[in-house]
Amino acid sequence: MPCDTATEPELPADLPPGFTPHFRSSPLTDPWEPLFSRRTEQSVVLAVKLAQPHTNARGFAHGGLITALADNAMGLSCGMQFAEPRSLVTVNLSIDFLSVARIGQWLLFETSFTKVGGTLCFAQAFVTADGVACARANATFRAM
């Protein structure tokens, strides 16, 4: 009888402290795996080590990747603020690109602010590449 030899994937040696494989997947983010996350009391922080599938034609992190993962981090962080689990949809999202991120750098998506109302949640996130700010995002989510 064959035995199951499946094991947990090996974590990168340079993975920032506290991160584990991301607990949530989606068809959009599947091609960008592996993604990592760290939960704090107030937020979900995402991390990805930039590789070629994450870049534009110039070899920088693609703005669509940064935008989608910032949206993901802020939405998950807002979801943590509700007493009961709620499904959230993005109502508005804006992003400012501050600098470029290059292959080999760790991108971290940290939600720094959330404010929850009755049905709306507001969030702000900062994206860093090896600790240097490369984007900031603001979003509004509607709780369904």
C-alpha atoms as a PDB file:
ATOM      1  CA  MET A   1       0.000   0.000   0.000  1.00  0.00           C
ATOM      2  CA  PRO A   2       1.545   3.319  -1.043  1.00  0.00           C
ATOM      3  CA  CYS A   3       2.153   5.880   1.649  1.00  0.00           C
ATOM      4  CA  ASP A   4       1.434   9.572   1.331  1.00  0.00           C
ATOM      5  CA  THR A   5       4.730  11.373   0.910  1.00  0.00           C
ATOM      6  CA  ALA A   6       3.229  14.824   0.393  1.00  0.00           C
ATOM      7  CA  THR A   7       4.898  17.434   2.559  1.00  0.00           C
ATOM      8  CA  GLU A   8       4.489  21.119   3.142  1.00  0.00           C
ATOM      9  CA  PRO A   9       6.310  23.188   0.522  1.00  0.00           C
ATOM     10  CA  GLU A  10       9.664  24.486   1.663  1.00  0.00           C
ATOM     11  CA  LEU A  11       9.526  28.140   2.666  1.00  0.00           C
ATOM     12  CA  PRO A  12      12.026  30.561   1.108  1.00  0.00           C
ATOM     13  CA  ALA A  13      15.055  31.112   3.335  1.00  0.00           C
ATOM     14  CA  ASP A  14      14.623  34.885   3.064  1.00  0.00           C
ATOM     15  CA  LEU A  15      10.874  34.919   3.808  1.00  0.00           C
ATOM     16  CA  PRO A  16      10.158  37.887   6.092  1.00  0.00           C
ATOM     17  CA  PRO A  17       9.461  36.841   9.717  1.00  0.00           C
ATOM     18  CA  GLY A  18       5.972  35.668  10.628  1.00  0.00           C
ATOM     19  CA  PHE A  19       4.777  34.852   7.104  1.00  0.00           C
ATOM     20  CA  THR A  20       3.265  31.528   6.060  1.00  0.00           C
ATOM     21  CA  PRO A  21       1.697  30.382   2.777  1.00  0.00           C
ATOM     22  CA  HIS A  22      -1.328  32.572   2.086  1.00  0.00           C
ATOM     23  CA  PHE A  23      -4.552  31.052   3.399  1.00  0.00           C
ATOM     24  CA  ARG A  24      -6.732  32.167   0.501  1.00  0.00           C
ATOM     25  CA  SER A  25      -6.417  31.572  -3.214  1.00  0.00           C
ATOM     26  CA  SER A  26      -8.280  32.856  -6.233  1.00  0.00           C
ATOM     27  CA  PRO A  27      -8.124  32.299  -9.982  1.00  0.00           C
ATOM     28  CA  LEU A  28      -6.603  35.791 -10.371  1.00  0.00           C
ATOM     29  CA  THR A  29      -3.738  35.216  -7.960  1.00  0.00           C
ATOM     30  CA  ASP A  30      -3.020  31.556  -8.803  1.00  0.00           C
ATOM     31  CA  PRO A  31      -0.423  32.461 -11.486  1.00  0.00           C
ATOM     32  CA  TRP A  32       1.398  34.669  -8.957  1.00  0.00           C
ATOM     33  CA  GLU A  33       1.940  31.951  -6.361  1.00  0.00           C
ATOM     34  CA  PRO A  34       3.548  31.483  -3.999  1.00  0.00           C
ATOM     35  CA  LEU A  35       1.899  34.230  -1.978  1.00  0.00           C
ATOM     36  CA  PHE A  36       2.442  34.581   1.758  1.00  0.00           C
ATOM     37  CA  SER A  37       0.491  36.270   4.528  1.00  0.00           C
ATOM     38  CA  ARG A  38       0.816  37.260   8.149  1.00  0.00           C
ATOM     39  CA  ARG A  39      -2.139  38.081  10.375  1.00  0.00           C
ATOM     40  CA  THR A  40      -1.972  40.782  13.009  1.00  0.00           C
ATOM     41  CA  GLU A  41      -4.768  41.765  15.392  1.00  0.00           C
ATOM     42  CA  GLN A  42      -5.951  44.400  12.927  1.00  0.00           C
ATOM     43  CA  SER A  43      -4.907  43.272   9.455  1.00  0.00           C
ATOM     44  CA  VAL A  44      -3.713  40.728   6.955  1.00  0.00           C
ATOM     45  CA  VAL A  45      -0.306  41.545   5.460  1.00  0.00           C
ATOM     46  CA  LEU A  46       0.518  39.954   2.103  1.00  0.00           C
ATOM     47  CA  ALA A  47       3.979  39.228   0.710  1.00  0.00           C
ATOM     48  CA  VAL A  48       5.326  38.051  -2.625  1.00  0.00           C
ATOM     49  CA  LYS A  49       8.893  37.731  -3.856  1.00  0.00           C
ATOM     50  CA  LEU A  50       8.980  39.354  -7.259  1.00  0.00           C
ATOM     51  CA  ALA A  51       9.711  37.063 -10.177  1.00  0.00           C
ATOM     52  CA  GLN A  52       9.286  37.388 -13.932  1.00  0.00           C
ATOM     53  CA  PRO A  53       5.542  36.460 -13.955  1.00  0.00           C
ATOM     54  CA  HIS A  54       4.931  39.524 -11.738  1.00  0.00           C
ATOM     55  CA  THR A  55       6.546  42.046 -14.076  1.00  0.00           C
ATOM     56  CA  ASN A  56       5.780  44.306 -17.003  1.00  0.00           C
ATOM     57  CA  ALA A  57       7.836  44.535 -20.201  1.00  0.00           C
ATOM     58  CA  ARG A  58      10.449  46.681 -18.418  1.00  0.00           C
ATOM     59  CA  GLY A  59      11.039  44.086 -15.700  1.00  0.00           C
ATOM     60  CA  PHE A  60       9.367  46.097 -12.907  1.00  0.00           C
ATOM     61  CA  ALA A  61       6.474  44.864 -10.773  1.00  0.00           C
ATOM     62  CA  HIS A  62       3.343  45.268 -12.880  1.00  0.00           C
ATOM     63  CA  GLY A  63       0.911  47.901 -11.639  1.00  0.00           C
ATOM     64  CA  GLY A  64      -1.953  45.435 -12.015  1.00  0.00           C
ATOM     65  CA  LEU A  65      -0.240  43.008  -9.634  1.00  0.00           C
ATOM     66  CA  ILE A  66       0.348  45.750  -7.077  1.00  0.00           C
ATOM     67  CA  THR A  67      -3.220  47.001  -7.395  1.00  0.00           C
ATOM     68  CA  ALA A  68      -4.828  43.562  -7.136  1.00  0.00           C
ATOM     69  CA  LEU A  69      -2.784  42.487  -4.115  1.00  0.00           C
ATOM     70  CA  ALA A  70      -3.311  45.824  -2.329  1.00  0.00           C
ATOM     71  CA  ASP A  71      -7.054  45.392  -2.915  1.00  0.00           C
ATOM     72  CA  ASN A  72      -6.820  41.849  -1.528  1.00  0.00           C
ATOM     73  CA  ALA A  73      -4.876  42.883   1.587  1.00  0.00           C
ATOM     74  CA  MET A  74      -7.202  45.797   2.355  1.00  0.00           C
ATOM     75  CA  GLY A  75     -10.355  43.738   1.769  1.00  0.00           C
ATOM     76  CA  LEU A  76      -9.173  40.926   4.023  1.00  0.00           C
ATOM     77  CA  SER A  77      -8.134  43.461   6.664  1.00  0.00           C
ATOM     78  CA  CYS A  78     -11.532  45.174   6.528  1.00  0.00           C
ATOM     79  CA  GLY A  79     -13.236  41.809   6.815  1.00  0.00           C
ATOM     80  CA  MET A  80     -11.440  41.246  10.130  1.00  0.00           C
ATOM     81  CA  GLN A  81     -13.108  44.343  11.591  1.00  0.00           C
ATOM     82  CA  PHE A  82     -16.657  42.969  11.483  1.00  0.00           C
ATOM     83  CA  ALA A  83     -17.987  40.965  14.435  1.00  0.00           C
ATOM     84  CA  GLU A  84     -19.467  38.359  12.055  1.00  0.00           C
ATOM     85  CA  PRO A  85     -17.910  37.207   8.771  1.00  0.00           C
ATOM     86  CA  ARG A  86     -19.126  39.333   5.857  1.00  0.00           C
ATOM     87  CA  SER A  87     -18.502  39.233   2.156  1.00  0.00           C
ATOM     88  CA  LEU A  88     -16.982  42.482   0.855  1.00  0.00           C
ATOM     89  CA  VAL A  89     -16.909  43.995  -2.614  1.00  0.00           C
ATOM     90  CA  THR A  90     -14.701  46.861  -3.721  1.00  0.00           C
ATOM     91  CA  VAL A  91     -16.606  50.097  -4.317  1.00  0.00           C
ATOM     92  CA  ASN A  92     -13.640  52.368  -4.986  1.00  0.00           C
ATOM     93  CA  LEU A  93      -9.908  51.833  -5.257  1.00  0.00           C
ATOM     94  CA  SER A  94      -7.156  54.347  -5.909  1.00  0.00           C
ATOM     95  CA  ILE A  95      -3.442  53.778  -6.017  1.00  0.00           C
ATOM     96  CA  ASP A  96      -0.386  55.999  -6.252  1.00  0.00           C
ATOM     97  CA  PHE A  97       2.811  54.452  -7.577  1.00  0.00           C
ATOM     98  CA  LEU A  98       5.791  55.940  -5.750  1.00  0.00           C
ATOM     99  CA  SER A  99       8.735  53.939  -7.110  1.00  0.00           C
ATOM    100  CA  VAL A 100       9.509  50.700  -8.932  1.00  0.00           C
ATOM    101  CA  ALA A 101       9.990  47.214  -7.530  1.00  0.00           C
ATOM    102  CA  ARG A 102      12.361  44.767  -9.192  1.00  0.00           C
ATOM    103  CA  ILE A 103      12.739  41.018  -9.558  1.00  0.00           C
ATOM    104  CA  GLY A 104      14.115  39.462  -6.381  1.00  0.00           C
ATOM    105  CA  GLN A 105      12.613  42.037  -4.020  1.00  0.00           C
ATOM    106  CA  TRP A 106       9.967  41.202  -1.440  1.00  0.00           C
ATOM    107  CA  LEU A 107       6.762  43.175  -1.928  1.00  0.00           C
ATOM    108  CA  LEU A 108       4.767  43.632   1.284  1.00  0.00           C
ATOM    109  CA  PHE A 109       1.170  44.899   1.322  1.00  0.00           C
ATOM    110  CA  GLU A 110       0.396  46.361   4.744  1.00  0.00           C
ATOM    111  CA  THR A 111      -3.000  47.809   5.589  1.00  0.00           C
ATOM    112  CA  SER A 112      -2.319  50.688   7.942  1.00  0.00           C
ATOM    113  CA  PHE A 113      -5.847  51.997   8.496  1.00  0.00           C
ATOM    114  CA  THR A 114      -9.382  50.639   8.501  1.00  0.00           C
ATOM    115  CA  LYS A 115     -12.643  52.290   9.499  1.00  0.00           C
ATOM    116  CA  VAL A 116     -15.844  50.290   9.538  1.00  0.00           C
ATOM    117  CA  GLY A 117     -19.320  51.764   9.288  1.00  0.00           C
ATOM    118  CA  GLY A 118     -22.682  50.035   8.961  1.00  0.00           C
ATOM    119  CA  THR A 119     -22.133  48.722   5.435  1.00  0.00           C
ATOM    120  CA  LEU A 120     -18.969  50.514   4.263  1.00  0.00           C
ATOM    121  CA  CYS A 121     -15.366  49.950   5.238  1.00  0.00           C
ATOM    122  CA  PHE A 122     -12.496  52.292   4.385  1.00  0.00           C
ATOM    123  CA  ALA A 123      -8.854  51.248   4.215  1.00  0.00           C
ATOM    124  CA  GLN A 124      -5.401  52.516   3.376  1.00  0.00           C
ATOM    125  CA  ALA A 125      -2.385  50.355   2.563  1.00  0.00           C
ATOM    126  CA  PHE A 126       1.283  50.879   1.867  1.00  0.00           C
ATOM    127  CA  VAL A 127       3.270  48.655  -0.450  1.00  0.00           C
ATOM    128  CA  THR A 128       6.993  48.311   0.097  1.00  0.00           C
ATOM    129  CA  ALA A 129       9.743  46.645  -1.920  1.00  0.00           C
ATOM    130  CA  ASP A 130      12.438  45.423   0.473  1.00  0.00           C
ATOM    131  CA  GLY A 131      11.271  48.072   2.922  1.00  0.00           C
ATOM    132  CA  VAL A 132      11.138  51.001   0.472  1.00  0.00           C
ATOM    133  CA  ALA A 133       7.701  52.484  -0.250  1.00  0.00           C
ATOM    134  CA  CYS A 134       6.647  51.820  -3.838  1.00  0.00           C
ATOM    135  CA  ALA A 135       2.862  52.410  -3.688  1.00  0.00           C
ATOM    136  CA  ARG A 136       0.030  53.542  -1.469  1.00  0.00           C
ATOM    137  CA  ALA A 137      -3.590  52.582  -1.931  1.00  0.00           C
ATOM    138  CA  ASN A 138      -6.977  53.664  -0.603  1.00  0.00           C
ATOM    139  CA  ALA A 139     -10.174  51.678  -0.941  1.00  0.00           C
ATOM    140  CA  THR A 140     -13.806  51.600   0.041  1.00  0.00           C
ATOM    141  CA  PHE A 141     -15.574  48.256   0.429  1.00  0.00           C
ATOM    142  CA  ARG A 142     -19.252  47.454   0.791  1.00  0.00           C
ATOM    143  CA  ALA A 143     -20.283  44.691   3.149  1.00  0.00           C
ATOM    144  CA  MET A 144     -22.851  42.406   1.564  1.00  0.00           C
END
